[in-house]
Amino acid sequence: MSVSKQTTFKAAVTGLAAAAGLAAMLVSGSAMAQAPAVKGDAAAGAKKNSMCIGCHGIENYKTAFPVLYRVPKITGQNQAYFVAALQAYKSGERSHPSMQAISGSLTEQDMADLAAFYAQSK
């Protein structure tokens, strides 16, 4: 597959994943869908990403806790989807012990800042 086709495919998959995640939240009536929007600051997010980069910054990284799991790269991720995913881990709607622990320590502002930082990162 050519680089341009890979880029187009990746963008389409990312967009579909974001749309599916947001649609699921709206259908479920999740508190995440009703959360007030907090404006993210990418510069602040760059200072808060140390807990993310150790796993999400490594190409093709797999974690073995609690099970073997391919860790997705989060650079370029849609901001709304990024925040919604962190909120879902924090609330327990998504289950992964490491992500639940990390998201549990984040404020809404932290989530928005990280989302802004990773959305602009390539």
PDB file of N, CA and C in Angstrom:
ATOM      1  N   MET A   1       0.852  -1.166   0.000  1.00  0.00           N
ATOM      2  CA  MET A   1       0.000   0.000   0.000  1.00  0.00           C
ATOM      3  C   MET A   1       0.901   1.233   0.000  1.00  0.00           C
ATOM      4  N   SER A   2       0.588   2.205  -0.839  1.00  0.00           N
ATOM      5  CA  SER A   2       1.414   3.405  -0.919  1.00  0.00           C
ATOM      6  C   SER A   2       1.264   4.244   0.340  1.00  0.00           C
ATOM      7  N   VAL A   3       2.210   5.130   0.556  1.00  0.00           N
ATOM      8  CA  VAL A   3       2.193   5.982   1.746  1.00  0.00           C
ATOM      9  C   VAL A   3       0.944   6.842   1.767  1.00  0.00           C
ATOM     10  N   SER A   4       0.541   7.402   0.617  1.00  0.00           N
ATOM     11  CA  SER A   4      -0.650   8.253   0.590  1.00  0.00           C
ATOM     12  C   SER A   4      -1.912   7.446   0.888  1.00  0.00           C
ATOM     13  N   LYS A   5      -1.978   6.208   0.398  1.00  0.00           N
ATOM     14  CA  LYS A   5      -3.130   5.365   0.705  1.00  0.00           C
ATOM     15  C   LYS A   5      -3.140   4.985   2.184  1.00  0.00           C
ATOM     16  N   GLN A   6      -1.953   4.717   2.754  1.00  0.00           N
ATOM     17  CA  GLN A   6      -1.871   4.392   4.178  1.00  0.00           C
ATOM     18  C   GLN A   6      -2.328   5.579   5.010  1.00  0.00           C
ATOM     19  N   THR A   7      -1.903   6.779   4.644  1.00  0.00           N
ATOM     20  CA  THR A   7      -2.291   7.978   5.376  1.00  0.00           C
ATOM     21  C   THR A   7      -3.791   8.194   5.285  1.00  0.00           C
ATOM     22  N   THR A   8      -4.354   8.031   4.089  1.00  0.00           N
ATOM     23  CA  THR A   8      -5.796   8.186   3.898  1.00  0.00           C
ATOM     24  C   THR A   8      -6.551   7.144   4.705  1.00  0.00           C
ATOM     25  N   PHE A   9      -6.079   5.900   4.656  1.00  0.00           N
ATOM     26  CA  PHE A   9      -6.726   4.825   5.400  1.00  0.00           C
ATOM     27  C   PHE A   9      -6.681   5.110   6.901  1.00  0.00           C
ATOM     28  N   LYS A  10      -5.490   5.518   7.410  1.00  0.00           N
ATOM     29  CA  LYS A  10      -5.338   5.822   8.828  1.00  0.00           C
ATOM     30  C   LYS A  10      -6.273   6.953   9.246  1.00  0.00           C
ATOM     31  N   ALA A  11      -6.381   7.989   8.435  1.00  0.00           N
ATOM     32  CA  ALA A  11      -7.264   9.113   8.745  1.00  0.00           C
ATOM     33  C   ALA A  11      -8.721   8.656   8.776  1.00  0.00           C
ATOM     34  N   ALA A  12      -9.095   7.802   7.838  1.00  0.00           N
ATOM     35  CA  ALA A  12     -10.471   7.303   7.801  1.00  0.00           C
ATOM     36  C   ALA A  12     -10.783   6.459   9.024  1.00  0.00           C
ATOM     37  N   VAL A  13      -9.866   5.578   9.398  1.00  0.00           N
ATOM     38  CA  VAL A  13     -10.073   4.723  10.567  1.00  0.00           C
ATOM     39  C   VAL A  13     -10.155   5.562  11.837  1.00  0.00           C
ATOM     40  N   THR A  14      -9.257   6.537  11.971  1.00  0.00           N
ATOM     41  CA  THR A  14      -9.271   7.411  13.142  1.00  0.00           C
ATOM     42  C   THR A  14     -10.583   8.170  13.222  1.00  0.00           C
ATOM     43  N   GLY A  15     -11.022   8.704  12.098  1.00  0.00           N
ATOM     44  CA  GLY A  15     -12.292   9.438  12.070  1.00  0.00           C
ATOM     45  C   GLY A  15     -13.471   8.553  12.416  1.00  0.00           C
ATOM     46  N   LEU A  16     -13.496   7.342  11.875  1.00  0.00           N
ATOM     47  CA  LEU A  16     -14.582   6.407  12.182  1.00  0.00           C
ATOM     48  C   LEU A  16     -14.573   6.004  13.647  1.00  0.00           C
ATOM     49  N   ALA A  17     -13.388   5.773  14.204  1.00  0.00           N
ATOM     50  CA  ALA A  17     -13.298   5.403  15.614  1.00  0.00           C
ATOM     51  C   ALA A  17     -13.805   6.532  16.497  1.00  0.00           C
ATOM     52  N   ALA A  18     -13.438   7.750  16.161  1.00  0.00           N
ATOM     53  CA  ALA A  18     -13.895   8.900  16.944  1.00  0.00           C
ATOM     54  C   ALA A  18     -15.404   9.039  16.852  1.00  0.00           C
ATOM     55  N   ALA A  19     -15.948   8.915  15.653  1.00  0.00           N
ATOM     56  CA  ALA A  19     -17.396   9.036  15.466  1.00  0.00           C
ATOM     57  C   ALA A  19     -18.139   7.920  16.197  1.00  0.00           C
ATOM     58  N   ALA A  20     -17.620   6.703  16.114  1.00  0.00           N
ATOM     59  CA  ALA A  20     -18.260   5.576  16.793  1.00  0.00           C
ATOM     60  C   ALA A  20     -18.237   5.759  18.298  1.00  0.00           C
ATOM     61  N   GLY A  21     -17.123   6.222  18.827  1.00  0.00           N
ATOM     62  CA  GLY A  21     -17.026   6.443  20.270  1.00  0.00           C
ATOM     63  C   GLY A  21     -17.986   7.514  20.742  1.00  0.00           C
ATOM     64  N   LEU A  22     -18.072   8.605  20.014  1.00  0.00           N
ATOM     65  CA  LEU A  22     -18.987   9.678  20.391  1.00  0.00           C
ATOM     66  C   LEU A  22     -20.438   9.234  20.248  1.00  0.00           C
ATOM     67  N   ALA A  23     -20.748   8.501  19.191  1.00  0.00           N
ATOM     68  CA  ALA A  23     -22.110   8.015  19.001  1.00  0.00           C
ATOM     69  C   ALA A  23     -22.512   7.068  20.128  1.00  0.00           C
ATOM     70  N   ALA A  24     -21.610   6.188  20.515  1.00  0.00           N
ATOM     71  CA  ALA A  24     -21.905   5.247  21.600  1.00  0.00           C
ATOM     72  C   ALA A  24     -22.186   5.981  22.905  1.00  0.00           C
ATOM     73  N   MET A  25     -21.428   7.034  23.156  1.00  0.00           N
ATOM     74  CA  MET A  25     -21.658   7.801  24.382  1.00  0.00           C
ATOM     75  C   MET A  25     -23.020   8.475  24.352  1.00  0.00           C
ATOM     76  N   LEU A  26     -23.390   9.037  23.216  1.00  0.00           N
ATOM     77  CA  LEU A  26     -24.671   9.723  23.112  1.00  0.00           C
ATOM     78  C   LEU A  26     -25.828   8.749  23.258  1.00  0.00           C
ATOM     79  N   VAL A  27     -25.720   7.583  22.632  1.00  0.00           N
ATOM     80  CA  VAL A  27     -26.762   6.577  22.721  1.00  0.00           C
ATOM     81  C   VAL A  27     -26.900   6.050  24.143  1.00  0.00           C
ATOM     82  N   SER A  28     -25.774   5.851  24.828  1.00  0.00           N
ATOM     83  CA  SER A  28     -25.816   5.288  26.173  1.00  0.00           C
ATOM     84  C   SER A  28     -26.254   6.300  27.210  1.00  0.00           C
ATOM     85  N   GLY A  29     -26.283   7.589  26.842  1.00  0.00           N
ATOM     86  CA  GLY A  29     -26.631   8.617  27.818  1.00  0.00           C
ATOM     87  C   GLY A  29     -25.533   8.811  28.835  1.00  0.00           C
ATOM     88  N   SER A  30     -24.328   8.434  28.472  1.00  0.00           N
ATOM     89  CA  SER A  30     -23.191   8.520  29.369  1.00  0.00           C
ATOM     90  C   SER A  30     -22.989   9.928  29.885  1.00  0.00           C
ATOM     91  N   ALA A  31     -22.500  10.027  31.120  1.00  0.00           N
ATOM     92  CA  ALA A  31     -22.180  11.322  31.699  1.00  0.00           C
ATOM     93  C   ALA A  31     -21.101  12.012  30.890  1.00  0.00           C
ATOM     94  N   MET A  32     -20.266  11.236  30.205  1.00  0.00           N
ATOM     95  CA  MET A  32     -19.197  11.834  29.410  1.00  0.00           C
ATOM     96  C   MET A  32     -19.771  12.694  28.303  1.00  0.00           C
ATOM     97  N   ALA A  33     -20.881  12.268  27.707  1.00  0.00           N
ATOM     98  CA  ALA A  33     -21.449  13.017  26.603  1.00  0.00           C
ATOM     99  C   ALA A  33     -21.991  14.357  27.081  1.00  0.00           C
ATOM    100  N   GLN A  34     -22.319  14.465  28.370  1.00  0.00           N
ATOM    101  CA  GLN A  34     -22.891  15.680  28.907  1.00  0.00           C
ATOM    102  C   GLN A  34     -21.869  16.548  29.626  1.00  0.00           C
ATOM    103  N   ALA A  35     -20.628  16.099  29.692  1.00  0.00           N
ATOM    104  CA  ALA A  35     -19.597  16.849  30.404  1.00  0.00           C
ATOM    105  C   ALA A  35     -19.342  18.177  29.711  1.00  0.00           C
ATOM    106  N   PRO A  36     -19.152  19.237  30.485  1.00  0.00           N
ATOM    107  CA  PRO A  36     -18.874  20.526  29.865  1.00  0.00           C
ATOM    108  C   PRO A  36     -17.513  20.491  29.173  1.00  0.00           C
ATOM    109  N   ALA A  37     -17.434  21.191  28.066  1.00  0.00           N
ATOM    110  CA  ALA A  37     -16.170  21.229  27.323  1.00  0.00           C
ATOM    111  C   ALA A  37     -15.188  22.147  28.038  1.00  0.00           C
ATOM    112  N   VAL A  38     -13.980  21.680  28.202  1.00  0.00           N
ATOM    113  CA  VAL A  38     -12.904  22.461  28.793  1.00  0.00           C
ATOM    114  C   VAL A  38     -11.909  22.711  27.671  1.00  0.00           C
ATOM    115  N   LYS A  39     -11.490  23.940  27.511  1.00  0.00           N
ATOM    116  CA  LYS A  39     -10.532  24.267  26.448  1.00  0.00           C
ATOM    117  C   LYS A  39      -9.150  23.774  26.837  1.00  0.00           C
ATOM    118  N   GLY A  40      -8.556  22.986  25.954  1.00  0.00           N
ATOM    119  CA  GLY A  40      -7.234  22.437  26.204  1.00  0.00           C
ATOM    120  C   GLY A  40      -6.121  23.363  25.760  1.00  0.00           C
ATOM    121  N   ASP A  41      -5.000  23.272  26.440  1.00  0.00           N
ATOM    122  CA  ASP A  41      -3.800  24.049  26.141  1.00  0.00           C
ATOM    123  C   ASP A  41      -2.695  23.059  25.774  1.00  0.00           C
ATOM    124  N   ALA A  42      -2.318  23.051  24.495  1.00  0.00           N
ATOM    125  CA  ALA A  42      -1.325  22.085  24.013  1.00  0.00           C
ATOM    126  C   ALA A  42       0.019  22.241  24.717  1.00  0.00           C
ATOM    127  N   ALA A  43       0.417  23.474  25.017  1.00  0.00           N
ATOM    128  CA  ALA A  43       1.701  23.690  25.708  1.00  0.00           C
ATOM    129  C   ALA A  43       1.658  23.083  27.104  1.00  0.00           C
ATOM    130  N   ALA A  44       0.531  23.225  27.787  1.00  0.00           N
ATOM    131  CA  ALA A  44       0.384  22.624  29.112  1.00  0.00           C
ATOM    132  C   ALA A  44       0.358  21.102  28.997  1.00  0.00           C
ATOM    133  N   GLY A  45      -0.293  20.593  27.950  1.00  0.00           N
ATOM    134  CA  GLY A  45      -0.339  19.154  27.723  1.00  0.00           C
ATOM    135  C   GLY A  45       1.032  18.556  27.485  1.00  0.00           C
ATOM    136  N   ALA A  46       1.900  19.314  26.823  1.00  0.00           N
ATOM    137  CA  ALA A  46       3.264  18.842  26.567  1.00  0.00           C
ATOM    138  C   ALA A  46       4.022  18.628  27.868  1.00  0.00           C
ATOM    139  N   LYS A  47       3.664  19.381  28.886  1.00  0.00           N
ATOM    140  CA  LYS A  47       4.324  19.251  30.193  1.00  0.00           C
ATOM    141  C   LYS A  47       3.706  18.143  31.045  1.00  0.00           C
ATOM    142  N   LYS A  48       2.557  17.610  30.610  1.00  0.00           N
ATOM    143  CA  LYS A  48       1.830  16.606  31.392  1.00  0.00           C
ATOM    144  C   LYS A  48       1.886  15.215  30.768  1.00  0.00           C
ATOM    145  N   ASN A  49       2.610  15.042  29.676  1.00  0.00           N
ATOM    146  CA  ASN A  49       2.516  13.788  28.942  1.00  0.00           C
ATOM    147  C   ASN A  49       3.498  12.707  29.382  1.00  0.00           C
ATOM    148  N   SER A  50       4.241  12.921  30.444  1.00  0.00           N
ATOM    149  CA  SER A  50       5.233  11.924  30.858  1.00  0.00           C
ATOM    150  C   SER A  50       4.608  10.575  31.189  1.00  0.00           C
ATOM    151  N   MET A  51       3.392  10.567  31.684  1.00  0.00           N
ATOM    152  CA  MET A  51       2.753   9.293  32.007  1.00  0.00           C
ATOM    153  C   MET A  51       2.203   8.594  30.773  1.00  0.00           C
ATOM    154  N   CYS A  52       2.120   9.307  29.658  1.00  0.00           N
ATOM    155  CA  CYS A  52       1.575   8.740  28.422  1.00  0.00           C
ATOM    156  C   CYS A  52       2.672   8.208  27.507  1.00  0.00           C
ATOM    157  N   ILE A  53       3.728   8.988  27.394  1.00  0.00           N
ATOM    158  CA  ILE A  53       4.762   8.741  26.397  1.00  0.00           C
ATOM    159  C   ILE A  53       5.475   7.398  26.597  1.00  0.00           C
ATOM    160  N   GLY A  54       5.552   6.928  27.831  1.00  0.00           N
ATOM    161  CA  GLY A  54       6.252   5.678  28.111  1.00  0.00           C
ATOM    162  C   GLY A  54       5.668   4.471  27.406  1.00  0.00           C
ATOM    163  N   CYS A  55       4.391   4.492  27.140  1.00  0.00           N
ATOM    164  CA  CYS A  55       3.748   3.387  26.412  1.00  0.00           C
ATOM    165  C   CYS A  55       3.291   3.833  25.028  1.00  0.00           C
ATOM    166  N   HIS A  56       2.580   4.966  24.972  1.00  0.00           N
ATOM    167  CA  HIS A  56       1.975   5.402  23.717  1.00  0.00           C
ATOM    168  C   HIS A  56       2.949   6.034  22.748  1.00  0.00           C
ATOM    169  N   GLY A  57       4.164   6.306  23.185  1.00  0.00           N
ATOM    170  CA  GLY A  57       5.142   6.915  22.306  1.00  0.00           C
ATOM    171  C   GLY A  57       6.064   5.926  21.640  1.00  0.00           C
ATOM    172  N   ILE A  58       5.854   4.637  21.857  1.00  0.00           N
ATOM    173  CA  ILE A  58       6.731   3.606  21.313  1.00  0.00           C
ATOM    174  C   ILE A  58       6.018   2.884  20.174  1.00  0.00           C
ATOM    175  N   GLU A  59       6.603   2.937  19.001  1.00  0.00           N
ATOM    176  CA  GLU A  59       6.024   2.286  17.822  1.00  0.00           C
ATOM    177  C   GLU A  59       5.846   0.788  18.066  1.00  0.00           C
ATOM    178  N   ASN A  60       4.653   0.274  17.800  1.00  0.00           N
ATOM    179  CA  ASN A  60       4.314  -1.154  17.922  1.00  0.00           C
ATOM    180  C   ASN A  60       4.521  -1.714  19.326  1.00  0.00           C
ATOM    181  N   TYR A  61       4.363  -0.893  20.332  1.00  0.00           N
ATOM    182  CA  TYR A  61       4.561  -1.333  21.714  1.00  0.00           C
ATOM    183  C   TYR A  61       3.414  -2.238  22.152  1.00  0.00           C
ATOM    184  N   LYS A  62       3.769  -3.256  22.910  1.00  0.00           N
ATOM    185  CA  LYS A  62       2.775  -4.150  23.507  1.00  0.00           C
ATOM    186  C   LYS A  62       3.063  -4.225  24.986  1.00  0.00           C
ATOM    187  N   THR A  63       2.012  -4.165  25.771  1.00  0.00           N
ATOM    188  CA  THR A  63       2.159  -4.288  27.213  1.00  0.00           C
ATOM    189  C   THR A  63       1.706  -5.682  27.629  1.00  0.00           C
ATOM    190  N   ALA A  64       2.248  -6.184  28.684  1.00  0.00           N
ATOM    191  CA  ALA A  64       1.880  -7.525  29.147  1.00  0.00           C
ATOM    192  C   ALA A  64       1.014  -7.467  30.394  1.00  0.00           C
ATOM    193  N   PHE A  65       0.621  -6.276  30.821  1.00  0.00           N
ATOM    194  CA  PHE A  65      -0.212  -6.165  32.013  1.00  0.00           C
ATOM    195  C   PHE A  65      -1.511  -5.506  31.672  1.00  0.00           C
ATOM    196  N   PRO A  66      -2.626  -6.018  32.001  1.00  0.00           N
ATOM    197  CA  PRO A  66      -2.860  -7.309  32.649  1.00  0.00           C
ATOM    198  C   PRO A  66      -2.841  -8.467  31.660  1.00  0.00           C
ATOM    199  N   VAL A  67      -2.987  -8.169  30.378  1.00  0.00           N
ATOM    200  CA  VAL A  67      -2.870  -9.185  29.329  1.00  0.00           C
ATOM    201  C   VAL A  67      -2.052  -8.558  28.201  1.00  0.00           C
ATOM    202  N   LEU A  68      -1.579  -9.381  27.278  1.00  0.00           N
ATOM    203  CA  LEU A  68      -0.850  -8.848  26.144  1.00  0.00           C
ATOM    204  C   LEU A  68      -1.788  -7.952  25.345  1.00  0.00           C
ATOM    205  N   TYR A  69      -1.383  -6.713  25.149  1.00  0.00           N
ATOM    206  CA  TYR A  69      -2.250  -5.713  24.546  1.00  0.00           C
ATOM    207  C   TYR A  69      -1.409  -4.781  23.688  1.00  0.00           C
ATOM    208  N   ARG A  70      -1.799  -4.545  22.460  1.00  0.00           N
ATOM    209  CA  ARG A  70      -1.114  -3.600  21.582  1.00  0.00           C
ATOM    210  C   ARG A  70      -1.520  -2.192  21.989  1.00  0.00           C
ATOM    211  N   VAL A  71      -0.554  -1.401  22.368  1.00  0.00           N
ATOM    212  CA  VAL A  71      -0.808  -0.037  22.820  1.00  0.00           C
ATOM    213  C   VAL A  71      -0.880   0.878  21.606  1.00  0.00           C
ATOM    214  N   PRO A  72      -1.988   1.579  21.435  1.00  0.00           N
ATOM    215  CA  PRO A  72      -2.109   2.442  20.253  1.00  0.00           C
ATOM    216  C   PRO A  72      -1.281   3.713  20.375  1.00  0.00           C
ATOM    217  N   LYS A  73      -0.794   4.202  19.238  1.00  0.00           N
ATOM    218  CA  LYS A  73      -0.169   5.521  19.189  1.00  0.00           C
ATOM    219  C   LYS A  73      -1.316   6.526  19.309  1.00  0.00           C
ATOM    220  N   ILE A  74      -1.104   7.593  20.035  1.00  0.00           N
ATOM    221  CA  ILE A  74      -2.185   8.560  20.252  1.00  0.00           C
ATOM    222  C   ILE A  74      -1.906   9.910  19.615  1.00  0.00           C
ATOM    223  N   THR A  75      -0.801  10.022  18.903  1.00  0.00           N
ATOM    224  CA  THR A  75      -0.520  11.280  18.217  1.00  0.00           C
ATOM    225  C   THR A  75      -1.526  11.489  17.093  1.00  0.00           C
ATOM    226  N   GLY A  76      -2.001  12.721  16.961  1.00  0.00           N
ATOM    227  CA  GLY A  76      -2.957  13.055  15.920  1.00  0.00           C
ATOM    228  C   GLY A  76      -4.388  12.660  16.237  1.00  0.00           C
ATOM    229  N   GLN A  77      -4.638  12.167  17.431  1.00  0.00           N
ATOM    230  CA  GLN A  77      -5.980  11.710  17.807  1.00  0.00           C
ATOM    231  C   GLN A  77      -6.951  12.891  17.926  1.00  0.00           C
ATOM    232  N   ASN A  78      -8.181  12.678  17.556  1.00  0.00           N
ATOM    233  CA  ASN A  78      -9.245  13.664  17.683  1.00  0.00           C
ATOM    234  C   ASN A  78      -9.401  14.064  19.154  1.00  0.00           C
ATOM    235  N   GLN A  79      -9.461  15.366  19.434  1.00  0.00           N
ATOM    236  CA  GLN A  79      -9.503  15.836  20.822  1.00  0.00           C
ATOM    237  C   GLN A  79     -10.728  15.335  21.582  1.00  0.00           C
ATOM    238  N   ALA A  80     -11.895  15.424  20.975  1.00  0.00           N
ATOM    239  CA  ALA A  80     -13.123  15.002  21.665  1.00  0.00           C
ATOM    240  C   ALA A  80     -13.072  13.510  21.990  1.00  0.00           C
ATOM    241  N   TYR A  81     -12.596  12.716  21.047  1.00  0.00           N
ATOM    242  CA  TYR A  81     -12.487  11.280  21.272  1.00  0.00           C
ATOM    243  C   TYR A  81     -11.476  10.982  22.379  1.00  0.00           C
ATOM    244  N   PHE A  82     -10.353  11.682  22.359  1.00  0.00           N
ATOM    245  CA  PHE A  82      -9.290  11.499  23.345  1.00  0.00           C
ATOM    246  C   PHE A  82      -9.828  11.750  24.753  1.00  0.00           C
ATOM    247  N   VAL A  83     -10.516  12.872  24.936  1.00  0.00           N
ATOM    248  CA  VAL A  83     -11.077  13.211  26.249  1.00  0.00           C
ATOM    249  C   VAL A  83     -12.136  12.195  26.644  1.00  0.00           C
ATOM    250  N   ALA A  84     -13.000  11.824  25.698  1.00  0.00           N
ATOM    251  CA  ALA A  84     -14.061  10.849  25.990  1.00  0.00           C
ATOM    252  C   ALA A  84     -13.474   9.508  26.427  1.00  0.00           C
ATOM    253  N   ALA A  85     -12.385   9.088  25.778  1.00  0.00           N
ATOM    254  CA  ALA A  85     -11.753   7.819  26.147  1.00  0.00           C
ATOM    255  C   ALA A  85     -11.188   7.896  27.562  1.00  0.00           C
ATOM    256  N   LEU A  86     -10.499   8.992  27.886  1.00  0.00           N
ATOM    257  CA  LEU A  86      -9.965   9.145  29.246  1.00  0.00           C
ATOM    258  C   LEU A  86     -11.083   9.181  30.283  1.00  0.00           C
ATOM    259  N   GLN A  87     -12.163   9.869  29.965  1.00  0.00           N
ATOM    260  CA  GLN A  87     -13.303   9.915  30.891  1.00  0.00           C
ATOM    261  C   GLN A  87     -13.911   8.529  31.082  1.00  0.00           C
ATOM    262  N   ALA A  88     -13.955   7.748  30.003  1.00  0.00           N
ATOM    263  CA  ALA A  88     -14.511   6.392  30.100  1.00  0.00           C
ATOM    264  C   ALA A  88     -13.633   5.498  30.965  1.00  0.00           C
ATOM    265  N   TYR A  89     -12.315   5.646  30.864  1.00  0.00           N
ATOM    266  CA  TYR A  89     -11.426   4.890  31.751  1.00  0.00           C
ATOM    267  C   TYR A  89     -11.626   5.343  33.195  1.00  0.00           C
ATOM    268  N   LYS A  90     -11.720   6.637  33.407  1.00  0.00           N
ATOM    269  CA  LYS A  90     -11.860   7.176  34.758  1.00  0.00           C
ATOM    270  C   LYS A  90     -13.164   6.704  35.417  1.00  0.00           C
ATOM    271  N   SER A  91     -14.230   6.637  34.640  1.00  0.00           N
ATOM    272  CA  SER A  91     -15.533   6.228  35.184  1.00  0.00           C
ATOM    273  C   SER A  91     -15.689   4.714  35.295  1.00  0.00           C
ATOM    274  N   GLY A  92     -14.789   3.969  34.647  1.00  0.00           N
ATOM    275  CA  GLY A  92     -14.893   2.512  34.661  1.00  0.00           C
ATOM    276  C   GLY A  92     -15.645   1.950  33.474  1.00  0.00           C
ATOM    277  N   GLU A  93     -16.133   2.812  32.574  1.00  0.00           N
ATOM    278  CA  GLU A  93     -16.826   2.328  31.380  1.00  0.00           C
ATOM    279  C   GLU A  93     -15.873   1.572  30.463  1.00  0.00           C
ATOM    280  N   ARG A  94     -14.617   1.955  30.455  1.00  0.00           N
ATOM    281  CA  ARG A  94     -13.566   1.213  29.751  1.00  0.00           C
ATOM    282  C   ARG A  94     -12.702   0.572  30.817  1.00  0.00           C
ATOM    283  N   SER A  95     -12.301  -0.663  30.551  1.00  0.00           N
ATOM    284  CA  SER A  95     -11.529  -1.358  31.581  1.00  0.00           C
ATOM    285  C   SER A  95     -10.122  -1.693  31.112  1.00  0.00           C
ATOM    286  N   HIS A  96      -9.182  -1.056  31.723  1.00  0.00           N
ATOM    287  CA  HIS A  96      -7.761  -1.393  31.605  1.00  0.00           C
ATOM    288  C   HIS A  96      -7.127  -0.811  32.857  1.00  0.00           C
ATOM    289  N   PRO A  97      -6.605  -1.659  33.739  1.00  0.00           N
ATOM    290  CA  PRO A  97      -6.123  -1.184  35.043  1.00  0.00           C
ATOM    291  C   PRO A  97      -5.141  -0.016  34.974  1.00  0.00           C
ATOM    292  N   SER A  98      -4.190  -0.072  34.063  1.00  0.00           N
ATOM    293  CA  SER A  98      -3.215   1.015  33.983  1.00  0.00           C
ATOM    294  C   SER A  98      -3.889   2.317  33.559  1.00  0.00           C
ATOM    295  N   MET A  99      -4.735   2.255  32.547  1.00  0.00           N
ATOM    296  CA  MET A  99      -5.404   3.457  32.058  1.00  0.00           C
ATOM    297  C   MET A  99      -6.419   3.983  33.073  1.00  0.00           C
ATOM    298  N   GLN A 100      -7.073   3.096  33.801  1.00  0.00           N
ATOM    299  CA  GLN A 100      -8.004   3.554  34.843  1.00  0.00           C
ATOM    300  C   GLN A 100      -7.242   4.290  35.941  1.00  0.00           C
ATOM    301  N   ALA A 101      -6.089   3.771  36.336  1.00  0.00           N
ATOM    302  CA  ALA A 101      -5.286   4.420  37.381  1.00  0.00           C
ATOM    303  C   ALA A 101      -4.778   5.776  36.910  1.00  0.00           C
ATOM    304  N   ILE A 102      -4.263   5.828  35.702  1.00  0.00           N
ATOM    305  CA  ILE A 102      -3.739   7.089  35.182  1.00  0.00           C
ATOM    306  C   ILE A 102      -4.856   8.114  35.013  1.00  0.00           C
ATOM    307  N   SER A 103      -5.947   7.723  34.380  1.00  0.00           N
ATOM    308  CA  SER A 103      -7.035   8.674  34.157  1.00  0.00           C
ATOM    309  C   SER A 103      -7.669   9.122  35.470  1.00  0.00           C
ATOM    310  N   GLY A 104      -7.638   8.258  36.467  1.00  0.00           N
ATOM    311  CA  GLY A 104      -8.180   8.615  37.773  1.00  0.00           C
ATOM    312  C   GLY A 104      -7.429   9.752  38.431  1.00  0.00           C
ATOM    313  N   SER A 105      -6.189   9.957  38.021  1.00  0.00           N
ATOM    314  CA  SER A 105      -5.389  11.031  38.596  1.00  0.00           C
ATOM    315  C   SER A 105      -5.511  12.331  37.807  1.00  0.00           C
ATOM    316  N   LEU A 106      -6.232  12.303  36.690  1.00  0.00           N
ATOM    317  CA  LEU A 106      -6.328  13.472  35.822  1.00  0.00           C
ATOM    318  C   LEU A 106      -7.578  14.310  36.109  1.00  0.00           C
ATOM    319  N   THR A 107      -7.415  15.612  36.049  1.00  0.00           N
ATOM    320  CA  THR A 107      -8.566  16.521  36.119  1.00  0.00           C
ATOM    321  C   THR A 107      -9.124  16.690  34.707  1.00  0.00           C
ATOM    322  N   GLU A 108     -10.275  17.314  34.594  1.00  0.00           N
ATOM    323  CA  GLU A 108     -10.843  17.603  33.281  1.00  0.00           C
ATOM    324  C   GLU A 108      -9.883  18.490  32.485  1.00  0.00           C
ATOM    325  N   GLN A 109      -9.237  19.434  33.163  1.00  0.00           N
ATOM    326  CA  GLN A 109      -8.292  20.322  32.488  1.00  0.00           C
ATOM    327  C   GLN A 109      -7.087  19.536  31.995  1.00  0.00           C
ATOM    328  N   ASP A 110      -6.589  18.600  32.808  1.00  0.00           N
ATOM    329  CA  ASP A 110      -5.469  17.760  32.380  1.00  0.00           C
ATOM    330  C   ASP A 110      -5.836  16.995  31.108  1.00  0.00           C
ATOM    331  N   MET A 111      -7.029  16.412  31.094  1.00  0.00           N
ATOM    332  CA  MET A 111      -7.479  15.644  29.931  1.00  0.00           C
ATOM    333  C   MET A 111      -7.556  16.528  28.693  1.00  0.00           C
ATOM    334  N   ALA A 112      -8.120  17.715  28.851  1.00  0.00           N
ATOM    335  CA  ALA A 112      -8.243  18.637  27.718  1.00  0.00           C
ATOM    336  C   ALA A 112      -6.870  19.080  27.219  1.00  0.00           C
ATOM    337  N   ASP A 113      -5.955  19.344  28.145  1.00  0.00           N
ATOM    338  CA  ASP A 113      -4.601  19.755  27.758  1.00  0.00           C
ATOM    339  C   ASP A 113      -3.875  18.640  27.018  1.00  0.00           C
ATOM    340  N   LEU A 114      -3.972  17.423  27.517  1.00  0.00           N
ATOM    341  CA  LEU A 114      -3.327  16.288  26.846  1.00  0.00           C
ATOM    342  C   LEU A 114      -3.949  16.055  25.465  1.00  0.00           C
ATOM    343  N   ALA A 115      -5.260  16.178  25.386  1.00  0.00           N
ATOM    344  CA  ALA A 115      -5.943  16.006  24.098  1.00  0.00           C
ATOM    345  C   ALA A 115      -5.483  17.050  23.100  1.00  0.00           C
ATOM    346  N   ALA A 116      -5.340  18.290  23.532  1.00  0.00           N
ATOM    347  CA  ALA A 116      -4.877  19.356  22.638  1.00  0.00           C
ATOM    348  C   ALA A 116      -3.454  19.081  22.178  1.00  0.00           C
ATOM    349  N   PHE A 117      -2.605  18.642  23.103  1.00  0.00           N
ATOM    350  CA  PHE A 117      -1.218  18.342  22.754  1.00  0.00           C
ATOM    351  C   PHE A 117      -1.134  17.205  21.749  1.00  0.00           C
ATOM    352  N   TYR A 118      -1.818  16.092  22.011  1.00  0.00           N
ATOM    353  CA  TYR A 118      -1.710  14.942  21.119  1.00  0.00           C
ATOM    354  C   TYR A 118      -2.417  15.169  19.797  1.00  0.00           C
ATOM    355  N   ALA A 119      -3.455  15.974  19.761  1.00  0.00           N
ATOM    356  CA  ALA A 119      -4.145  16.270  18.504  1.00  0.00           C
ATOM    357  C   ALA A 119      -3.225  17.005  17.534  1.00  0.00           C
ATOM    358  N   GLN A 120      -2.369  17.863  18.065  1.00  0.00           N
ATOM    359  CA  GLN A 120      -1.470  18.624  17.195  1.00  0.00           C
ATOM    360  C   GLN A 120      -0.178  17.878  16.897  1.00  0.00           C
ATOM    361  N   SER A 121       0.107  16.825  17.639  1.00  0.00           N
ATOM    362  CA  SER A 121       1.342  16.053  17.446  1.00  0.00           C
ATOM    363  C   SER A 121       1.206  15.113  16.269  1.00  0.00           C
ATOM    364  N   LYS A 122       2.284  14.939  15.569  1.00  0.00           N
ATOM    365  CA  LYS A 122       2.279  14.011  14.421  1.00  0.00           C
ATOM    366  C   LYS A 122       3.380  12.995  14.585  1.00  0.00           C
TER     367      LYS A 122
END
